[in-house]
Amino acid sequence: MAGKIVVENTLTPYIKHLKSLGYDVYTLYKNSNLENITSDEYKAIVVSGLDVLSTSGATHSNPPVPIIEASGHTPEEIHNIIT
C-alpha cells in the first residue's frame, strides 16, 4: 500500500487516481471531519483550494500533515507532489 491520503470529497478524479495507485483514500467533507486528522499517519491532505480550510480550526499542528491545493494541477501532478 502506498499510504493514507485525505482528499476533499469534490475531487473525484483525484480520489480515483490515487486509489488506482494503491493509496488508502479518506474523504474530507467540507472540513466537518478535519478535526479527526490528528496524527501524521496521512501523507497529505488534498483540497480544491486553501480557502476550504478558512472556516475550520486548522492550525500548524492540526492537521499535522502537508496540505496540497489541487487547483491548477492534474491528478498526476498531485501524485508527483505527494511522492
Protein backbone atom coordinates (compact mmCIF):
# COMPACT_ATOMS: atom_id res chain seq x y z
CA MET A 1 0.00 0.00 0.00
CA ALA A 2 1.23 3.46 -0.89
CA GLY A 3 -0.06 5.13 2.27
CA LYS A 4 -3.02 7.14 3.51
CA ILE A 5 -4.20 10.34 1.87
CA VAL A 6 -7.10 12.66 2.73
CA VAL A 7 -8.87 14.17 -0.29
CA GLU A 8 -11.75 16.64 -0.39
CA ASN A 9 -14.92 14.82 -1.45
CA THR A 10 -15.49 17.05 -4.51
CA LEU A 11 -12.19 15.98 -6.09
CA THR A 12 -13.43 12.70 -7.58
CA PRO A 13 -10.78 12.39 -10.35
CA TYR A 14 -8.03 12.81 -7.74
CA ILE A 15 -9.64 10.24 -5.43
CA LYS A 16 -9.93 7.71 -8.28
CA HIS A 17 -6.35 8.30 -9.46
CA LEU A 18 -4.80 7.98 -6.01
CA LYS A 19 -6.84 4.84 -5.25
CA SER A 20 -5.67 3.32 -8.55
CA LEU A 21 -2.08 3.86 -7.36
CA GLY A 22 -2.73 1.94 -4.15
CA TYR A 23 -3.38 4.81 -1.72
CA ASP A 24 -5.88 4.38 1.09
CA VAL A 25 -8.01 7.49 0.44
CA TYR A 26 -10.07 9.12 3.19
CA THR A 27 -12.65 11.73 2.23
CA LEU A 28 -12.83 15.23 3.68
CA TYR A 29 -16.38 16.64 3.76
CA LYS A 30 -16.21 20.45 3.91
CA ASN A 31 -13.89 20.31 6.92
CA SER A 32 -16.51 18.57 9.04
CA ASN A 33 -14.06 15.78 9.82
CA LEU A 34 -10.80 17.78 9.71
CA GLU A 35 -10.51 17.64 13.49
CA ASN A 36 -10.23 13.84 13.21
CA ILE A 37 -6.87 14.17 11.45
CA THR A 38 -4.68 14.36 14.50
CA SER A 39 -1.69 12.23 13.61
CA ASP A 40 0.93 12.06 10.92
CA GLU A 41 -0.33 8.70 9.62
CA TYR A 42 -1.56 10.52 6.50
CA LYS A 43 0.91 11.53 3.79
CA ALA A 44 -1.05 14.64 2.76
CA ILE A 45 -4.41 16.38 2.55
CA VAL A 46 -5.59 17.41 -0.92
CA VAL A 47 -8.15 20.23 -1.10
CA SER A 48 -9.68 22.13 -4.02
CA GLY A 49 -8.32 25.41 -2.68
CA LEU A 50 -6.75 26.62 0.52
CA ASP A 51 -9.88 28.69 1.21
CA VAL A 52 -11.58 25.36 2.05
CA LEU A 53 -9.68 25.40 5.34
CA SER A 54 -10.50 29.00 6.22
CA THR A 55 -13.67 28.17 8.14
CA SER A 56 -12.19 25.38 10.22
CA GLY A 57 -9.96 25.16 13.23
CA ALA A 58 -6.91 24.27 11.16
CA THR A 59 -3.65 25.22 12.85
CA HIS A 60 0.02 24.45 12.35
CA SER A 61 -0.41 21.33 14.49
CA ASN A 62 -3.85 20.23 13.27
CA PRO A 63 -3.71 18.82 10.76
CA PRO A 64 -0.04 17.81 11.21
CA VAL A 65 0.48 16.86 7.54
CA PRO A 66 1.13 18.76 4.29
CA ILE A 67 -1.90 20.42 2.71
CA ILE A 68 -1.85 20.42 -1.09
CA GLU A 69 -4.04 22.68 -3.21
CA ALA A 70 -5.39 20.77 -6.23
CA SER A 71 -6.40 23.89 -8.14
CA GLY A 72 -4.37 24.12 -11.35
CA HIS A 73 -2.90 20.62 -11.00
CA THR A 74 -3.81 17.32 -12.64
CA PRO A 75 -4.25 14.19 -10.52
CA GLU A 76 -0.87 13.00 -11.85
CA GLU A 77 0.81 16.25 -10.77
CA ILE A 78 -0.69 15.93 -7.30
CA HIS A 79 0.71 12.41 -7.04
CA ASN A 80 4.15 13.72 -8.01
CA ILE A 81 3.91 16.38 -5.30
CA ILE A 82 2.97 13.76 -2.69
CA THR A 83 5.83 11.44 -3.59
